[in-house]
Amino acid sequence: MKTQIKESEFSCDGENYYKGFSLGEKWNGFEVPYFRYDEAVKILEDSKKNELINSYSFNLTTKKFTVIDDYQTPEIIPMIYIDNKYAWSIGGFGWSWEDKNS
């Protein structure tokens, strides 16, 4: 059975929405969205500006983001393919993402 890919906009605060994709996954009842690189960077920059994270980096070789939180705990975010293009689940299994169209 092929995974259903749904394009939508996602938010953690009901104000800032980011374009991404849902594969139908849930974490504690919240969406687990995936984002293309540019949108992922925008989310991480906004999160840094709002002091939700301390820093982040991207490894060009492994195509993984590393996000550092207030406790200096690194979270490694691996890349997946959606429609033959790279995507990352920023905060997917820990943030309270909601789908604008649900």
N, C-alpha and C. Protein backbone atom coordinates (compact mmCIF):
# COMPACT_ATOMS: atom_id res chain seq x y z
N MET A 1 0.83 -1.17 0.00
CA MET A 1 0.00 0.00 0.00
C MET A 1 0.88 1.25 0.00
N LYS A 2 0.64 2.15 -0.91
CA LYS A 2 1.44 3.36 -1.05
C LYS A 2 1.01 4.39 0.00
N THR A 3 2.01 5.07 0.59
CA THR A 3 1.75 6.12 1.58
C THR A 3 1.08 7.30 0.90
N GLN A 4 0.01 7.79 1.50
CA GLN A 4 -0.69 8.96 1.01
C GLN A 4 0.06 10.22 1.42
N ILE A 5 0.44 11.05 0.46
CA ILE A 5 1.15 12.29 0.73
C ILE A 5 0.16 13.44 0.58
N LYS A 6 0.05 14.24 1.64
CA LYS A 6 -0.88 15.37 1.61
C LYS A 6 -0.09 16.66 1.81
N GLU A 7 -0.19 17.56 0.86
CA GLU A 7 0.46 18.86 0.97
C GLU A 7 -0.45 19.80 1.76
N SER A 8 0.12 20.55 2.70
CA SER A 8 -0.69 21.43 3.53
C SER A 8 0.20 22.49 4.17
N GLU A 9 -0.37 23.24 5.11
CA GLU A 9 0.37 24.20 5.92
C GLU A 9 0.22 23.79 7.37
N PHE A 10 1.30 23.94 8.15
CA PHE A 10 1.33 23.46 9.53
C PHE A 10 1.79 24.57 10.46
N SER A 11 1.27 24.54 11.68
CA SER A 11 1.61 25.53 12.69
C SER A 11 1.68 24.91 14.07
N CYS A 12 2.55 25.46 14.92
CA CYS A 12 2.62 25.06 16.33
C CYS A 12 1.94 26.09 17.21
N ASP A 13 1.76 27.31 16.69
CA ASP A 13 1.22 28.38 17.51
C ASP A 13 -0.07 28.99 16.97
N GLY A 14 -0.57 28.50 15.84
CA GLY A 14 -1.79 29.02 15.26
C GLY A 14 -1.62 30.35 14.53
N GLU A 15 -0.39 30.85 14.48
CA GLU A 15 -0.12 32.13 13.81
C GLU A 15 0.83 31.98 12.64
N ASN A 16 1.92 31.28 12.85
CA ASN A 16 2.92 31.08 11.79
C ASN A 16 2.68 29.73 11.13
N TYR A 17 2.45 29.76 9.81
CA TYR A 17 2.20 28.53 9.07
C TYR A 17 3.35 28.28 8.09
N TYR A 18 3.68 27.00 7.95
CA TYR A 18 4.77 26.59 7.08
C TYR A 18 4.28 25.52 6.12
N LYS A 19 4.67 25.65 4.86
CA LYS A 19 4.26 24.69 3.83
C LYS A 19 5.03 23.39 4.01
N GLY A 20 4.28 22.29 4.02
CA GLY A 20 4.92 21.00 4.20
C GLY A 20 4.04 19.86 3.73
N PHE A 21 4.35 18.68 4.23
CA PHE A 21 3.67 17.47 3.79
C PHE A 21 3.32 16.60 5.00
N SER A 22 2.20 15.93 4.89
CA SER A 22 1.82 14.94 5.90
C SER A 22 1.82 13.57 5.25
N LEU A 23 2.34 12.61 5.98
CA LEU A 23 2.28 11.21 5.53
C LEU A 23 1.25 10.45 6.37
N GLY A 24 0.44 11.19 7.13
CA GLY A 24 -0.59 10.58 7.97
C GLY A 24 -0.10 10.15 9.34
N GLU A 25 1.15 10.49 9.67
CA GLU A 25 1.71 10.12 10.98
C GLU A 25 1.22 11.08 12.05
N LYS A 26 1.06 10.54 13.26
CA LYS A 26 0.68 11.35 14.42
C LYS A 26 1.65 11.06 15.56
N TRP A 27 1.85 12.07 16.42
CA TRP A 27 2.63 11.92 17.64
C TRP A 27 1.80 12.56 18.75
N ASN A 28 1.36 11.76 19.71
CA ASN A 28 0.51 12.24 20.81
C ASN A 28 -0.70 13.03 20.30
N GLY A 29 -1.23 12.62 19.16
CA GLY A 29 -2.40 13.27 18.58
C GLY A 29 -2.08 14.44 17.67
N PHE A 30 -0.80 14.84 17.58
CA PHE A 30 -0.39 15.97 16.74
C PHE A 30 0.17 15.48 15.42
N GLU A 31 0.11 16.36 14.43
CA GLU A 31 0.67 16.04 13.11
C GLU A 31 2.18 15.87 13.19
N VAL A 32 2.70 15.07 12.27
CA VAL A 32 4.15 14.92 12.09
C VAL A 32 4.45 15.37 10.66
N PRO A 33 4.62 16.69 10.47
CA PRO A 33 4.85 17.18 9.11
C PRO A 33 6.31 17.08 8.68
N TYR A 34 6.49 17.12 7.37
CA TYR A 34 7.81 17.12 6.75
C TYR A 34 7.92 18.38 5.89
N PHE A 35 9.12 18.94 5.82
CA PHE A 35 9.33 20.20 5.12
C PHE A 35 10.53 20.11 4.20
N ARG A 36 10.48 20.85 3.09
CA ARG A 36 11.63 20.98 2.21
C ARG A 36 12.69 21.84 2.91
N TYR A 37 13.89 21.85 2.39
CA TYR A 37 15.03 22.52 3.04
C TYR A 37 14.74 23.98 3.39
N ASP A 38 14.31 24.78 2.41
CA ASP A 38 14.11 26.21 2.65
C ASP A 38 13.08 26.47 3.75
N GLU A 39 12.02 25.70 3.76
CA GLU A 39 10.98 25.86 4.78
C GLU A 39 11.50 25.39 6.14
N ALA A 40 12.28 24.32 6.14
CA ALA A 40 12.88 23.81 7.39
C ALA A 40 13.79 24.88 8.00
N VAL A 41 14.60 25.54 7.19
CA VAL A 41 15.48 26.59 7.68
C VAL A 41 14.65 27.76 8.22
N LYS A 42 13.57 28.11 7.54
CA LYS A 42 12.70 29.19 8.02
C LYS A 42 12.13 28.85 9.41
N ILE A 43 11.68 27.60 9.59
CA ILE A 43 11.15 27.16 10.89
C ILE A 43 12.23 27.26 11.96
N LEU A 44 13.42 26.78 11.64
CA LEU A 44 14.51 26.79 12.61
C LEU A 44 14.96 28.22 12.94
N GLU A 45 15.00 29.08 11.96
CA GLU A 45 15.35 30.48 12.21
C GLU A 45 14.29 31.14 13.10
N ASP A 46 13.01 30.93 12.80
CA ASP A 46 11.94 31.48 13.63
C ASP A 46 12.01 30.92 15.05
N SER A 47 12.31 29.64 15.17
CA SER A 47 12.41 29.00 16.49
C SER A 47 13.59 29.56 17.28
N LYS A 48 14.67 29.84 16.60
CA LYS A 48 15.85 30.43 17.25
C LYS A 48 15.53 31.86 17.70
N LYS A 49 14.88 32.62 16.83
CA LYS A 49 14.49 34.00 17.15
C LYS A 49 13.56 34.04 18.37
N ASN A 50 12.66 33.06 18.46
CA ASN A 50 11.70 32.99 19.58
C ASN A 50 12.26 32.22 20.77
N GLU A 51 13.55 31.90 20.73
CA GLU A 51 14.26 31.21 21.81
C GLU A 51 13.69 29.83 22.14
N LEU A 52 13.15 29.16 21.14
CA LEU A 52 12.67 27.78 21.32
C LEU A 52 13.81 26.78 21.14
N ILE A 53 14.83 27.20 20.39
CA ILE A 53 16.04 26.40 20.23
C ILE A 53 17.23 27.34 20.39
N ASN A 54 18.39 26.78 20.69
CA ASN A 54 19.61 27.59 20.80
C ASN A 54 20.30 27.76 19.45
N SER A 55 20.42 26.66 18.72
CA SER A 55 21.12 26.72 17.45
C SER A 55 20.76 25.50 16.60
N TYR A 56 21.22 25.55 15.37
CA TYR A 56 21.05 24.41 14.46
C TYR A 56 22.17 24.44 13.44
N SER A 57 22.39 23.30 12.82
CA SER A 57 23.36 23.21 11.73
C SER A 57 22.86 22.18 10.73
N PHE A 58 23.48 22.19 9.57
CA PHE A 58 23.12 21.24 8.52
C PHE A 58 24.39 20.62 7.97
N ASN A 59 24.40 19.30 7.90
CA ASN A 59 25.56 18.58 7.37
C ASN A 59 25.30 18.24 5.90
N LEU A 60 26.06 18.85 5.01
CA LEU A 60 25.86 18.64 3.57
C LEU A 60 26.12 17.20 3.14
N THR A 61 27.01 16.51 3.82
CA THR A 61 27.35 15.14 3.45
C THR A 61 26.24 14.16 3.82
N THR A 62 25.76 14.26 5.05
CA THR A 62 24.74 13.31 5.53
C THR A 62 23.32 13.80 5.27
N LYS A 63 23.17 15.08 4.92
CA LYS A 63 21.85 15.71 4.69
C LYS A 63 20.99 15.68 5.95
N LYS A 64 21.64 15.86 7.12
CA LYS A 64 20.92 15.86 8.40
C LYS A 64 21.05 17.22 9.08
N PHE A 65 19.95 17.64 9.70
CA PHE A 65 19.98 18.81 10.57
C PHE A 65 20.34 18.35 11.97
N THR A 66 21.05 19.19 12.70
CA THR A 66 21.27 19.00 14.13
C THR A 66 20.71 20.24 14.82
N VAL A 67 19.79 20.01 15.76
CA VAL A 67 19.14 21.10 16.49
C VAL A 67 19.56 20.99 17.95
N ILE A 68 19.99 22.11 18.53
CA ILE A 68 20.41 22.16 19.93
C ILE A 68 19.35 22.94 20.72
N ASP A 69 18.81 22.32 21.77
CA ASP A 69 17.79 22.97 22.60
C ASP A 69 18.41 23.66 23.81
N ASP A 70 17.56 24.16 24.71
CA ASP A 70 18.03 24.87 25.91
C ASP A 70 18.90 24.01 26.81
N TYR A 71 18.70 22.71 26.77
CA TYR A 71 19.47 21.81 27.63
C TYR A 71 20.75 21.33 26.94
N GLN A 72 21.07 21.92 25.80
CA GLN A 72 22.24 21.57 25.00
C GLN A 72 22.18 20.12 24.51
N THR A 73 20.96 19.61 24.36
CA THR A 73 20.76 18.26 23.87
C THR A 73 20.61 18.31 22.36
N PRO A 74 21.48 17.63 21.62
CA PRO A 74 21.35 17.65 20.16
C PRO A 74 20.25 16.68 19.68
N GLU A 75 19.46 17.16 18.75
CA GLU A 75 18.48 16.30 18.07
C GLU A 75 18.92 16.21 16.62
N ILE A 76 19.15 15.00 16.16
CA ILE A 76 19.56 14.77 14.77
C ILE A 76 18.30 14.49 13.96
N ILE A 77 18.10 15.25 12.88
CA ILE A 77 16.91 15.10 12.04
C ILE A 77 17.35 14.58 10.68
N PRO A 78 17.06 13.31 10.41
CA PRO A 78 17.47 12.72 9.13
C PRO A 78 16.57 13.17 7.98
N MET A 79 17.08 13.04 6.79
CA MET A 79 16.36 13.37 5.58
C MET A 79 15.56 12.16 5.12
N ILE A 80 14.39 12.41 4.53
CA ILE A 80 13.64 11.37 3.84
C ILE A 80 13.32 11.90 2.44
N TYR A 81 12.84 11.02 1.58
CA TYR A 81 12.40 11.43 0.25
C TYR A 81 10.89 11.49 0.21
N ILE A 82 10.37 12.61 -0.29
CA ILE A 82 8.95 12.75 -0.58
C ILE A 82 8.87 13.22 -2.03
N ASP A 83 8.23 12.44 -2.86
CA ASP A 83 8.15 12.73 -4.30
C ASP A 83 9.53 12.96 -4.90
N ASN A 84 10.49 12.10 -4.53
CA ASN A 84 11.86 12.12 -5.05
C ASN A 84 12.63 13.39 -4.72
N LYS A 85 12.22 14.10 -3.66
CA LYS A 85 12.95 15.29 -3.20
C LYS A 85 13.16 15.16 -1.70
N TYR A 86 14.20 15.83 -1.20
CA TYR A 86 14.52 15.77 0.22
C TYR A 86 13.45 16.47 1.07
N ALA A 87 13.23 15.94 2.29
CA ALA A 87 12.34 16.57 3.27
C ALA A 87 12.79 16.16 4.67
N TRP A 88 12.45 17.00 5.65
CA TRP A 88 12.84 16.75 7.05
C TRP A 88 11.65 17.02 7.95
N SER A 89 11.51 16.24 9.02
CA SER A 89 10.44 16.44 9.99
C SER A 89 10.99 17.29 11.15
N ILE A 90 10.89 18.59 11.01
CA ILE A 90 11.37 19.51 12.04
C ILE A 90 10.36 19.49 13.20
N GLY A 91 10.80 19.06 14.37
CA GLY A 91 9.92 19.01 15.54
C GLY A 91 8.78 18.01 15.41
N GLY A 92 8.89 17.12 14.46
CA GLY A 92 7.78 16.21 14.15
C GLY A 92 7.36 15.28 15.26
N PHE A 93 8.29 14.85 16.06
CA PHE A 93 7.96 13.91 17.13
C PHE A 93 8.24 14.56 18.49
N GLY A 94 7.78 15.81 18.63
CA GLY A 94 8.00 16.50 19.89
C GLY A 94 7.31 17.86 19.97
N TRP A 95 6.93 18.42 18.84
CA TRP A 95 6.25 19.71 18.83
C TRP A 95 4.78 19.49 18.52
N SER A 96 3.94 20.41 18.93
CA SER A 96 2.49 20.26 18.76
C SER A 96 2.01 20.88 17.44
N TRP A 97 2.38 20.23 16.34
CA TRP A 97 2.02 20.69 15.00
C TRP A 97 0.53 20.41 14.72
N GLU A 98 -0.12 21.36 14.08
CA GLU A 98 -1.50 21.19 13.63
C GLU A 98 -1.57 21.54 12.15
N ASP A 99 -2.42 20.81 11.44
CA ASP A 99 -2.65 21.02 10.02
C ASP A 99 -3.71 22.10 9.85
N LYS A 100 -3.39 23.13 9.08
CA LYS A 100 -4.32 24.25 8.86
C LYS A 100 -5.62 23.77 8.22
N ASN A 101 -5.56 22.72 7.43
CA ASN A 101 -6.72 22.24 6.68
C ASN A 101 -7.45 21.08 7.35
N SER A 102 -7.16 20.81 8.61
CA SER A 102 -7.83 19.69 9.30
C SER A 102 -8.80 20.22 10.34
